[in-house]
Amino acid sequence: MNFNYHEQEYEEFPNFKGGEKSLYAKMFHDEKNRIIYGKLIPGASIGVHTHETNSEIIYITKGTGRVLMDGEYEKLEAGMCHYCPKGHTHSLMNDSDAELEFFAVVPEQN
């Protein structure tokens, strides 16, 4: 199965998971996986949340930002990958002056 994100429009998710501003995302999901191409404008964030039944892999394709992972801040930049295992808590934020773009996969782990 292939996904052409060039043919899909961004959907806006204001204050996603309690974050600041909006997440803009192109998403595919079924009962087992969520596959996301997303962007955060400057000052936007995805709120702090815990992965109770799944994990998340985020690969940064453009820009810089940081994650808050289990209470610790870590810098991210294009070419870096962040992993949040099941049972852990994290947040993604764009603390730069340019857009932060990323590709994320959230597999369910029941």
PDB file of N, CA and C in Angstrom:
ATOM      1  N   MET A   1       0.846  -1.173   0.000  1.00  0.00           N
ATOM      2  CA  MET A   1       0.000   0.000   0.000  1.00  0.00           C
ATOM      3  C   MET A   1       0.895   1.241   0.000  1.00  0.00           C
ATOM      4  N   ASN A   2       0.582   2.190  -0.852  1.00  0.00           N
ATOM      5  CA  ASN A   2       1.337   3.439  -0.936  1.00  0.00           C
ATOM      6  C   ASN A   2       0.452   4.614  -0.554  1.00  0.00           C
ATOM      7  N   PHE A   3       1.058   5.651   0.011  1.00  0.00           N
ATOM      8  CA  PHE A   3       0.360   6.888   0.349  1.00  0.00           C
ATOM      9  C   PHE A   3       1.072   8.031  -0.351  1.00  0.00           C
ATOM     10  N   ASN A   4       0.349   8.833  -1.089  1.00  0.00           N
ATOM     11  CA  ASN A   4       0.937   9.995  -1.748  1.00  0.00           C
ATOM     12  C   ASN A   4       0.487  11.235  -0.986  1.00  0.00           C
ATOM     13  N   TYR A   5       1.320  11.684  -0.067  1.00  0.00           N
ATOM     14  CA  TYR A   5       0.970  12.836   0.743  1.00  0.00           C
ATOM     15  C   TYR A   5       0.939  14.123  -0.068  1.00  0.00           C
ATOM     16  N   HIS A   6       1.517  14.142  -1.266  1.00  0.00           N
ATOM     17  CA  HIS A   6       1.440  15.316  -2.138  1.00  0.00           C
ATOM     18  C   HIS A   6       0.006  15.557  -2.608  1.00  0.00           C
ATOM     19  N   GLU A   7      -0.806  14.520  -2.660  1.00  0.00           N
ATOM     20  CA  GLU A   7      -2.185  14.626  -3.133  1.00  0.00           C
ATOM     21  C   GLU A   7      -3.177  14.856  -1.996  1.00  0.00           C
ATOM     22  N   GLN A   8      -2.708  14.914  -0.778  1.00  0.00           N
ATOM     23  CA  GLN A   8      -3.583  15.047   0.388  1.00  0.00           C
ATOM     24  C   GLN A   8      -3.437  16.438   0.992  1.00  0.00           C
ATOM     25  N   GLU A   9      -4.531  17.008   1.431  1.00  0.00           N
ATOM     26  CA  GLU A   9      -4.525  18.315   2.087  1.00  0.00           C
ATOM     27  C   GLU A   9      -4.197  18.157   3.574  1.00  0.00           C
ATOM     28  N   TYR A  10      -3.554  19.185   4.146  1.00  0.00           N
ATOM     29  CA  TYR A  10      -3.323  19.190   5.587  1.00  0.00           C
ATOM     30  C   TYR A  10      -4.651  19.380   6.311  1.00  0.00           C
ATOM     31  N   GLU A  11      -4.801  18.674   7.416  1.00  0.00           N
ATOM     32  CA  GLU A  11      -5.922  18.878   8.317  1.00  0.00           C
ATOM     33  C   GLU A  11      -5.382  19.614   9.539  1.00  0.00           C
ATOM     34  N   GLU A  12      -6.131  20.574  10.047  1.00  0.00           N
ATOM     35  CA  GLU A  12      -5.690  21.343  11.211  1.00  0.00           C
ATOM     36  C   GLU A  12      -6.274  20.746  12.487  1.00  0.00           C
ATOM     37  N   PHE A  13      -5.395  20.561  13.495  1.00  0.00           N
ATOM     38  CA  PHE A  13      -5.793  20.057  14.803  1.00  0.00           C
ATOM     39  C   PHE A  13      -5.399  21.097  15.851  1.00  0.00           C
ATOM     40  N   PRO A  14      -6.304  22.031  16.178  1.00  0.00           N
ATOM     41  CA  PRO A  14      -5.976  23.070  17.168  1.00  0.00           C
ATOM     42  C   PRO A  14      -5.682  22.473  18.546  1.00  0.00           C
ATOM     43  N   ASN A  15      -4.662  22.988  19.193  1.00  0.00           N
ATOM     44  CA  ASN A  15      -4.300  22.594  20.566  1.00  0.00           C
ATOM     45  C   ASN A  15      -4.245  21.082  20.730  1.00  0.00           C
ATOM     46  N   PHE A  16      -3.600  20.396  19.793  1.00  0.00           N
ATOM     47  CA  PHE A  16      -3.551  18.932  19.773  1.00  0.00           C
ATOM     48  C   PHE A  16      -2.966  18.383  21.067  1.00  0.00           C
ATOM     49  N   LYS A  17      -3.707  17.526  21.723  1.00  0.00           N
ATOM     50  CA  LYS A  17      -3.332  16.908  23.009  1.00  0.00           C
ATOM     51  C   LYS A  17      -3.007  17.966  24.069  1.00  0.00           C
ATOM     52  N   GLY A  18      -3.623  19.158  23.959  1.00  0.00           N
ATOM     53  CA  GLY A  18      -3.399  20.230  24.920  1.00  0.00           C
ATOM     54  C   GLY A  18      -2.221  21.116  24.590  1.00  0.00           C
ATOM     55  N   GLY A  19      -1.683  20.998  23.384  1.00  0.00           N
ATOM     56  CA  GLY A  19      -0.527  21.803  22.973  1.00  0.00           C
ATOM     57  C   GLY A  19      -0.902  23.221  22.583  1.00  0.00           C
ATOM     58  N   GLU A  20       0.103  23.985  22.198  1.00  0.00           N
ATOM     59  CA  GLU A  20      -0.063  25.367  21.771  1.00  0.00           C
ATOM     60  C   GLU A  20      -0.325  25.432  20.268  1.00  0.00           C
ATOM     61  N   LYS A  21      -1.102  26.388  19.844  1.00  0.00           N
ATOM     62  CA  LYS A  21      -1.424  26.632  18.431  1.00  0.00           C
ATOM     63  C   LYS A  21      -1.997  25.370  17.797  1.00  0.00           C
ATOM     64  N   SER A  22      -1.559  25.012  16.569  1.00  0.00           N
ATOM     65  CA  SER A  22      -2.157  23.878  15.858  1.00  0.00           C
ATOM     66  C   SER A  22      -1.110  22.934  15.288  1.00  0.00           C
ATOM     67  N   LEU A  23      -1.494  21.671  15.226  1.00  0.00           N
ATOM     68  CA  LEU A  23      -0.774  20.655  14.463  1.00  0.00           C
ATOM     69  C   LEU A  23      -1.455  20.599  13.098  1.00  0.00           C
ATOM     70  N   TYR A  24      -0.654  20.603  12.032  1.00  0.00           N
ATOM     71  CA  TYR A  24      -1.162  20.406  10.681  1.00  0.00           C
ATOM     72  C   TYR A  24      -0.667  19.040  10.238  1.00  0.00           C
ATOM     73  N   ALA A  25      -1.600  18.167   9.823  1.00  0.00           N
ATOM     74  CA  ALA A  25      -1.203  16.788   9.550  1.00  0.00           C
ATOM     75  C   ALA A  25      -1.953  16.200   8.367  1.00  0.00           C
ATOM     76  N   LYS A  26      -1.251  15.311   7.686  1.00  0.00           N
ATOM     77  CA  LYS A  26      -1.815  14.444   6.663  1.00  0.00           C
ATOM     78  C   LYS A  26      -1.689  13.049   7.254  1.00  0.00           C
ATOM     79  N   MET A  27      -2.826  12.361   7.433  1.00  0.00           N
ATOM     80  CA  MET A  27      -2.813  11.116   8.198  1.00  0.00           C
ATOM     81  C   MET A  27      -3.461   9.950   7.471  1.00  0.00           C
ATOM     82  N   PHE A  28      -2.905   8.784   7.742  1.00  0.00           N
ATOM     83  CA  PHE A  28      -3.549   7.518   7.418  1.00  0.00           C
ATOM     84  C   PHE A  28      -3.652   6.767   8.732  1.00  0.00           C
ATOM     85  N   HIS A  29      -4.788   6.122   8.963  1.00  0.00           N
ATOM     86  CA  HIS A  29      -4.881   5.265  10.141  1.00  0.00           C
ATOM     87  C   HIS A  29      -5.859   4.132   9.887  1.00  0.00           C
ATOM     88  N   ASP A  30      -5.550   3.009  10.513  1.00  0.00           N
ATOM     89  CA  ASP A  30      -6.443   1.860  10.551  1.00  0.00           C
ATOM     90  C   ASP A  30      -6.485   1.400  12.000  1.00  0.00           C
ATOM     91  N   GLU A  31      -6.965   0.213  12.266  1.00  0.00           N
ATOM     92  CA  GLU A  31      -7.091  -0.235  13.661  1.00  0.00           C
ATOM     93  C   GLU A  31      -5.755  -0.526  14.341  1.00  0.00           C
ATOM     94  N   LYS A  32      -4.668  -0.625  13.585  1.00  0.00           N
ATOM     95  CA  LYS A  32      -3.372  -0.992  14.177  1.00  0.00           C
ATOM     96  C   LYS A  32      -2.287   0.078  14.077  1.00  0.00           C
ATOM     97  N   ASN A  33      -2.396   1.021  13.138  1.00  0.00           N
ATOM     98  CA  ASN A  33      -1.324   2.002  12.924  1.00  0.00           C
ATOM     99  C   ASN A  33      -1.874   3.368  12.558  1.00  0.00           C
ATOM    100  N   ARG A  34      -1.100   4.379  12.930  1.00  0.00           N
ATOM    101  CA  ARG A  34      -1.357   5.748  12.497  1.00  0.00           C
ATOM    102  C   ARG A  34      -0.052   6.224  11.851  1.00  0.00           C
ATOM    103  N   ILE A  35      -0.145   6.702  10.610  1.00  0.00           N
ATOM    104  CA  ILE A  35       1.028   7.164   9.867  1.00  0.00           C
ATOM    105  C   ILE A  35       0.778   8.628   9.526  1.00  0.00           C
ATOM    106  N   ILE A  36       1.676   9.502   9.967  1.00  0.00           N
ATOM    107  CA  ILE A  36       1.422  10.946   9.941  1.00  0.00           C
ATOM    108  C   ILE A  36       2.564  11.695   9.273  1.00  0.00           C
ATOM    109  N   TYR A  37       2.219  12.605   8.376  1.00  0.00           N
ATOM    110  CA  TYR A  37       3.177  13.612   7.910  1.00  0.00           C
ATOM    111  C   TYR A  37       2.661  14.917   8.487  1.00  0.00           C
ATOM    112  N   GLY A  38       3.427  15.528   9.385  1.00  0.00           N
ATOM    113  CA  GLY A  38       2.924  16.689  10.102  1.00  0.00           C
ATOM    114  C   GLY A  38       3.868  17.865  10.097  1.00  0.00           C
ATOM    115  N   LYS A  39       3.301  19.009  10.487  1.00  0.00           N
ATOM    116  CA  LYS A  39       4.132  20.203  10.660  1.00  0.00           C
ATOM    117  C   LYS A  39       3.589  21.036  11.807  1.00  0.00           C
ATOM    118  N   LEU A  40       4.529  21.700  12.468  1.00  0.00           N
ATOM    119  CA  LEU A  40       4.229  22.641  13.532  1.00  0.00           C
ATOM    120  C   LEU A  40       4.813  23.987  13.133  1.00  0.00           C
ATOM    121  N   ILE A  41       3.990  25.038  13.170  1.00  0.00           N
ATOM    122  CA  ILE A  41       4.488  26.377  12.884  1.00  0.00           C
ATOM    123  C   ILE A  41       5.284  26.860  14.098  1.00  0.00           C
ATOM    124  N   PRO A  42       6.059  27.931  13.957  1.00  0.00           N
ATOM    125  CA  PRO A  42       6.806  28.437  15.112  1.00  0.00           C
ATOM    126  C   PRO A  42       5.897  28.681  16.319  1.00  0.00           C
ATOM    127  N   GLY A  43       6.323  28.204  17.471  1.00  0.00           N
ATOM    128  CA  GLY A  43       5.571  28.365  18.708  1.00  0.00           C
ATOM    129  C   GLY A  43       4.514  27.304  18.955  1.00  0.00           C
ATOM    130  N   ALA A  44       4.291  26.412  17.991  1.00  0.00           N
ATOM    131  CA  ALA A  44       3.276  25.366  18.146  1.00  0.00           C
ATOM    132  C   ALA A  44       3.863  24.144  18.842  1.00  0.00           C
ATOM    133  N   SER A  45       2.983  23.365  19.469  1.00  0.00           N
ATOM    134  CA  SER A  45       3.433  22.147  20.139  1.00  0.00           C
ATOM    135  C   SER A  45       2.316  21.116  20.163  1.00  0.00           C
ATOM    136  N   ILE A  46       2.721  19.883  20.367  1.00  0.00           N
ATOM    137  CA  ILE A  46       1.810  18.787  20.679  1.00  0.00           C
ATOM    138  C   ILE A  46       1.909  18.613  22.181  1.00  0.00           C
ATOM    139  N   GLY A  47       0.790  18.619  22.866  1.00  0.00           N
ATOM    140  CA  GLY A  47       0.791  18.572  24.325  1.00  0.00           C
ATOM    141  C   GLY A  47       1.390  17.302  24.896  1.00  0.00           C
ATOM    142  N   VAL A  48       1.763  17.371  26.153  1.00  0.00           N
ATOM    143  CA  VAL A  48       2.327  16.224  26.867  1.00  0.00           C
ATOM    144  C   VAL A  48       1.266  15.129  26.963  1.00  0.00           C
ATOM    145  N   HIS A  49       1.644  13.916  26.565  1.00  0.00           N
ATOM    146  CA  HIS A  49       0.729  12.781  26.619  1.00  0.00           C
ATOM    147  C   HIS A  49       1.511  11.491  26.824  1.00  0.00           C
ATOM    148  N   THR A  50       0.839  10.494  27.372  1.00  0.00           N
ATOM    149  CA  THR A  50       1.439   9.196  27.645  1.00  0.00           C
ATOM    150  C   THR A  50       0.929   8.182  26.630  1.00  0.00           C
ATOM    151  N   HIS A  51       1.818   7.361  26.113  1.00  0.00           N
ATOM    152  CA  HIS A  51       1.456   6.301  25.178  1.00  0.00           C
ATOM    153  C   HIS A  51       1.098   5.045  25.970  1.00  0.00           C
ATOM    154  N   GLU A  52      -0.192   4.892  26.249  1.00  0.00           N
ATOM    155  CA  GLU A  52      -0.686   3.784  27.066  1.00  0.00           C
ATOM    156  C   GLU A  52      -0.730   2.466  26.305  1.00  0.00           C
ATOM    157  N   THR A  53      -1.146   2.505  25.031  1.00  0.00           N
ATOM    158  CA  THR A  53      -1.352   1.272  24.259  1.00  0.00           C
ATOM    159  C   THR A  53      -0.507   1.213  22.992  1.00  0.00           C
ATOM    160  N   ASN A  54       0.363   2.190  22.813  1.00  0.00           N
ATOM    161  CA  ASN A  54       1.171   2.241  21.596  1.00  0.00           C
ATOM    162  C   ASN A  54       2.502   2.935  21.877  1.00  0.00           C
ATOM    163  N   SER A  55       3.340   2.979  20.865  1.00  0.00           N
ATOM    164  CA  SER A  55       4.596   3.730  20.924  1.00  0.00           C
ATOM    165  C   SER A  55       4.542   4.754  19.796  1.00  0.00           C
ATOM    166  N   GLU A  56       5.563   5.603  19.683  1.00  0.00           N
ATOM    167  CA  GLU A  56       5.612   6.566  18.588  1.00  0.00           C
ATOM    168  C   GLU A  56       7.042   6.780  18.144  1.00  0.00           C
ATOM    169  N   ILE A  57       7.212   6.818  16.838  1.00  0.00           N
ATOM    170  CA  ILE A  57       8.498   7.089  16.209  1.00  0.00           C
ATOM    171  C   ILE A  57       8.315   8.369  15.401  1.00  0.00           C
ATOM    172  N   ILE A  58       9.135   9.383  15.654  1.00  0.00           N
ATOM    173  CA  ILE A  58       9.040  10.661  14.946  1.00  0.00           C
ATOM    174  C   ILE A  58      10.383  10.953  14.283  1.00  0.00           C
ATOM    175  N   TYR A  59      10.361  11.088  12.957  1.00  0.00           N
ATOM    176  CA  TYR A  59      11.569  11.442  12.193  1.00  0.00           C
ATOM    177  C   TYR A  59      11.408  12.874  11.708  1.00  0.00           C
ATOM    178  N   ILE A  60      12.361  13.738  12.061  1.00  0.00           N
ATOM    179  CA  ILE A  60      12.302  15.149  11.696  1.00  0.00           C
ATOM    180  C   ILE A  60      12.841  15.308  10.273  1.00  0.00           C
ATOM    181  N   THR A  61      12.009  15.862   9.386  1.00  0.00           N
ATOM    182  CA  THR A  61      12.410  16.041   7.987  1.00  0.00           C
ATOM    183  C   THR A  61      12.871  17.459   7.683  1.00  0.00           C
ATOM    184  N   LYS A  62      12.420  18.439   8.487  1.00  0.00           N
ATOM    185  CA  LYS A  62      12.779  19.833   8.230  1.00  0.00           C
ATOM    186  C   LYS A  62      12.661  20.631   9.518  1.00  0.00           C
ATOM    187  N   GLY A  63      13.633  21.476   9.783  1.00  0.00           N
ATOM    188  CA  GLY A  63      13.559  22.381  10.919  1.00  0.00           C
ATOM    189  C   GLY A  63      14.200  21.842  12.181  1.00  0.00           C
ATOM    190  N   THR A  64      13.941  22.571  13.270  1.00  0.00           N
ATOM    191  CA  THR A  64      14.471  22.207  14.587  1.00  0.00           C
ATOM    192  C   THR A  64      13.366  22.363  15.627  1.00  0.00           C
ATOM    193  N   GLY A  65      13.544  21.694  16.733  1.00  0.00           N
ATOM    194  CA  GLY A  65      12.590  21.778  17.834  1.00  0.00           C
ATOM    195  C   GLY A  65      13.128  21.011  19.020  1.00  0.00           C
ATOM    196  N   ARG A  66      12.220  20.585  19.869  1.00  0.00           N
ATOM    197  CA  ARG A  66      12.635  19.781  21.019  1.00  0.00           C
ATOM    198  C   ARG A  66      11.463  18.919  21.475  1.00  0.00           C
ATOM    199  N   VAL A  67      11.812  17.885  22.203  1.00  0.00           N
ATOM    200  CA  VAL A  67      10.818  17.030  22.840  1.00  0.00           C
ATOM    201  C   VAL A  67      11.016  17.120  24.347  1.00  0.00           C
ATOM    202  N   LEU A  68       9.936  16.901  25.055  1.00  0.00           N
ATOM    203  CA  LEU A  68       9.980  16.712  26.495  1.00  0.00           C
ATOM    204  C   LEU A  68       9.657  15.240  26.689  1.00  0.00           C
ATOM    205  N   MET A  69      10.658  14.453  27.060  1.00  0.00           N
ATOM    206  CA  MET A  69      10.519  12.999  27.175  1.00  0.00           C
ATOM    207  C   MET A  69      10.702  12.601  28.624  1.00  0.00           C
ATOM    208  N   ASP A  70       9.641  12.108  29.249  1.00  0.00           N
ATOM    209  CA  ASP A  70       9.699  11.695  30.651  1.00  0.00           C
ATOM    210  C   ASP A  70      10.334  12.765  31.533  1.00  0.00           C
ATOM    211  N   GLY A  71       9.960  14.034  31.282  1.00  0.00           N
ATOM    212  CA  GLY A  71      10.429  15.144  32.106  1.00  0.00           C
ATOM    213  C   GLY A  71      11.759  15.761  31.700  1.00  0.00           C
ATOM    214  N   GLU A  72      12.419  15.241  30.675  1.00  0.00           N
ATOM    215  CA  GLU A  72      13.718  15.756  30.221  1.00  0.00           C
ATOM    216  C   GLU A  72      13.585  16.336  28.814  1.00  0.00           C
ATOM    217  N   TYR A  73      14.143  17.541  28.597  1.00  0.00           N
ATOM    218  CA  TYR A  73      14.125  18.159  27.269  1.00  0.00           C
ATOM    219  C   TYR A  73      15.281  17.637  26.425  1.00  0.00           C
ATOM    220  N   GLU A  74      14.991  17.399  25.146  1.00  0.00           N
ATOM    221  CA  GLU A  74      16.000  16.955  24.183  1.00  0.00           C
ATOM    222  C   GLU A  74      15.802  17.747  22.899  1.00  0.00           C
ATOM    223  N   LYS A  75      16.893  18.267  22.316  1.00  0.00           N
ATOM    224  CA  LYS A  75      16.835  19.005  21.050  1.00  0.00           C
ATOM    225  C   LYS A  75      16.671  18.030  19.896  1.00  0.00           C
ATOM    226  N   LEU A  76      15.975  18.484  18.859  1.00  0.00           N
ATOM    227  CA  LEU A  76      15.796  17.719  17.625  1.00  0.00           C
ATOM    228  C   LEU A  76      16.090  18.610  16.437  1.00  0.00           C
ATOM    229  N   GLU A  77      16.582  18.017  15.364  1.00  0.00           N
ATOM    230  CA  GLU A  77      16.794  18.738  14.110  1.00  0.00           C
ATOM    231  C   GLU A  77      16.599  17.766  12.961  1.00  0.00           C
ATOM    232  N   ALA A  78      16.468  18.318  11.762  1.00  0.00           N
ATOM    233  CA  ALA A  78      16.255  17.489  10.579  1.00  0.00           C
ATOM    234  C   ALA A  78      17.285  16.368  10.527  1.00  0.00           C
ATOM    235  N   GLY A  79      16.804  15.159  10.245  1.00  0.00           N
ATOM    236  CA  GLY A  79      17.670  13.985  10.185  1.00  0.00           C
ATOM    237  C   GLY A  79      17.703  13.182  11.470  1.00  0.00           C
ATOM    238  N   MET A  80      17.108  13.715  12.543  1.00  0.00           N
ATOM    239  CA  MET A  80      17.075  12.996  13.818  1.00  0.00           C
ATOM    240  C   MET A  80      15.745  12.284  13.991  1.00  0.00           C
ATOM    241  N   CYS A  81      15.784  11.211  14.789  1.00  0.00           N
ATOM    242  CA  CYS A  81      14.601  10.407  15.065  1.00  0.00           C
ATOM    243  C   CYS A  81      14.377  10.350  16.572  1.00  0.00           C
ATOM    244  N   HIS A  82      13.134  10.545  16.992  1.00  0.00           N
ATOM    245  CA  HIS A  82      12.745  10.446  18.401  1.00  0.00           C
ATOM    246  C   HIS A  82      11.855   9.221  18.560  1.00  0.00           C
ATOM    247  N   TYR A  83      12.070   8.459  19.616  1.00  0.00           N
ATOM    248  CA  TYR A  83      11.274   7.271  19.904  1.00  0.00           C
ATOM    249  C   TYR A  83      10.675   7.391  21.298  1.00  0.00           C
ATOM    250  N   CYS A  84       9.364   7.218  21.395  1.00  0.00           N
ATOM    251  CA  CYS A  84       8.676   7.205  22.679  1.00  0.00           C
ATOM    252  C   CYS A  84       8.059   5.823  22.852  1.00  0.00           C
ATOM    253  N   PRO A  85       8.644   4.973  23.709  1.00  0.00           N
ATOM    254  CA  PRO A  85       8.111   3.621  23.918  1.00  0.00           C
ATOM    255  C   PRO A  85       6.771   3.636  24.645  1.00  0.00           C
ATOM    256  N   LYS A  86       6.042   2.550  24.514  1.00  0.00           N
ATOM    257  CA  LYS A  86       4.788   2.348  25.226  1.00  0.00           C
ATOM    258  C   LYS A  86       5.013   2.571  26.719  1.00  0.00           C
ATOM    259  N   GLY A  87       4.087   3.304  27.358  1.00  0.00           N
ATOM    260  CA  GLY A  87       4.177   3.566  28.786  1.00  0.00           C
ATOM    261  C   GLY A  87       4.940   4.829  29.141  1.00  0.00           C
ATOM    262  N   HIS A  88       5.501   5.514  28.147  1.00  0.00           N
ATOM    263  CA  HIS A  88       6.277   6.730  28.398  1.00  0.00           C
ATOM    264  C   HIS A  88       5.504   7.969  27.960  1.00  0.00           C
ATOM    265  N   THR A  89       5.963   9.121  28.439  1.00  0.00           N
ATOM    266  CA  THR A  89       5.303  10.403  28.218  1.00  0.00           C
ATOM    267  C   THR A  89       6.211  11.328  27.434  1.00  0.00           C
ATOM    268  N   HIS A  90       5.608  12.059  26.467  1.00  0.00           N
ATOM    269  CA  HIS A  90       6.411  13.015  25.696  1.00  0.00           C
ATOM    270  C   HIS A  90       5.542  14.129  25.121  1.00  0.00           C
ATOM    271  N   SER A  91       6.222  15.118  24.556  1.00  0.00           N
ATOM    272  CA  SER A  91       5.621  16.251  23.868  1.00  0.00           C
ATOM    273  C   SER A  91       6.598  16.689  22.783  1.00  0.00           C
ATOM    274  N   LEU A  92       6.082  17.244  21.691  1.00  0.00           N
ATOM    275  CA  LEU A  92       6.924  17.776  20.613  1.00  0.00           C
ATOM    276  C   LEU A  92       6.613  19.248  20.468  1.00  0.00           C
ATOM    277  N   MET A  93       7.653  20.085  20.390  1.00  0.00           N
ATOM    278  CA  MET A  93       7.433  21.518  20.271  1.00  0.00           C
ATOM    279  C   MET A  93       8.385  22.154  19.269  1.00  0.00           C
ATOM    280  N   ASN A  94       7.867  23.157  18.578  1.00  0.00           N
ATOM    281  CA  ASN A  94       8.670  23.945  17.653  1.00  0.00           C
ATOM    282  C   ASN A  94       9.034  25.239  18.362  1.00  0.00           C
ATOM    283  N   ASP A  95      10.265  25.316  18.827  1.00  0.00           N
ATOM    284  CA  ASP A  95      10.735  26.510  19.526  1.00  0.00           C
ATOM    285  C   ASP A  95      11.657  27.347  18.630  1.00  0.00           C
ATOM    286  N   SER A  96      11.491  27.206  17.314  1.00  0.00           N
ATOM    287  CA  SER A  96      12.327  27.944  16.360  1.00  0.00           C
ATOM    288  C   SER A  96      11.474  28.976  15.621  1.00  0.00           C
ATOM    289  N   ASP A  97      12.100  29.669  14.666  1.00  0.00           N
ATOM    290  CA  ASP A  97      11.410  30.678  13.863  1.00  0.00           C
ATOM    291  C   ASP A  97      10.958  30.143  12.511  1.00  0.00           C
ATOM    292  N   ALA A  98      11.124  28.848  12.256  1.00  0.00           N
ATOM    293  CA  ALA A  98      10.745  28.229  10.982  1.00  0.00           C
ATOM    294  C   ALA A  98       9.856  27.017  11.257  1.00  0.00           C
ATOM    295  N   GLU A  99       9.172  26.533  10.215  1.00  0.00           N
ATOM    296  CA  GLU A  99       8.325  25.358  10.378  1.00  0.00           C
ATOM    297  C   GLU A  99       9.140  24.125  10.744  1.00  0.00           C
ATOM    298  N   LEU A 100       8.545  23.268  11.543  1.00  0.00           N
ATOM    299  CA  LEU A 100       9.106  21.966  11.902  1.00  0.00           C
ATOM    300  C   LEU A 100       8.241  20.919  11.212  1.00  0.00           C
ATOM    301  N   GLU A 101       8.846  20.109  10.337  1.00  0.00           N
ATOM    302  CA  GLU A 101       8.108  19.064   9.636  1.00  0.00           C
ATOM    303  C   GLU A 101       8.634  17.705  10.078  1.00  0.00           C
ATOM    304  N   PHE A 102       7.728  16.733  10.136  1.00  0.00           N
ATOM    305  CA  PHE A 102       8.111  15.412  10.634  1.00  0.00           C
ATOM    306  C   PHE A 102       7.230  14.325  10.036  1.00  0.00           C
ATOM    307  N   PHE A 103       7.730  13.120  10.121  1.00  0.00           N
ATOM    308  CA  PHE A 103       7.006  11.919   9.724  1.00  0.00           C
ATOM    309  C   PHE A 103       6.925  11.050  10.969  1.00  0.00           C
ATOM    310  N   ALA A 104       5.731  10.599  11.323  1.00  0.00           N
ATOM    311  CA  ALA A 104       5.554   9.816  12.548  1.00  0.00           C
ATOM    312  C   ALA A 104       4.764   8.545  12.286  1.00  0.00           C
ATOM    313  N   VAL A 105       5.104   7.503  13.026  1.00  0.00           N
ATOM    314  CA  VAL A 105       4.385   6.233  12.980  1.00  0.00           C
ATOM    315  C   VAL A 105       4.015   5.870  14.413  1.00  0.00           C
ATOM    316  N   VAL A 106       2.721   5.552  14.619  1.00  0.00           N
ATOM    317  CA  VAL A 106       2.210   5.187  15.938  1.00  0.00           C
ATOM    318  C   VAL A 106       1.565   3.802  15.811  1.00  0.00           C
ATOM    319  N   PRO A 107       2.329   2.735  16.141  1.00  0.00           N
ATOM    320  CA  PRO A 107       1.765   1.376  16.070  1.00  0.00           C
ATOM    321  C   PRO A 107       1.128   0.977  17.405  1.00  0.00           C
ATOM    322  N   GLU A 108      -0.077   0.408  17.325  1.00  0.00           N
ATOM    323  CA  GLU A 108      -0.753  -0.100  18.520  1.00  0.00           C
ATOM    324  C   GLU A 108      -0.023  -1.352  19.009  1.00  0.00           C
ATOM    325  N   GLN A 109       0.069  -1.503  20.330  1.00  0.00           N
ATOM    326  CA  GLN A 109       0.772  -2.635  20.937  1.00  0.00           C
ATOM    327  C   GLN A 109      -0.083  -3.211  22.047  1.00  0.00           C
ATOM    328  N   ASN A 110      -1.217  -3.752  21.712  1.00  0.00           N
ATOM    329  CA  ASN A 110      -2.128  -4.294  22.730  1.00  0.00           C
ATOM    330  C   ASN A 110      -1.539  -5.505  23.427  1.00  0.00           C
TER     331      ASN A 110
END
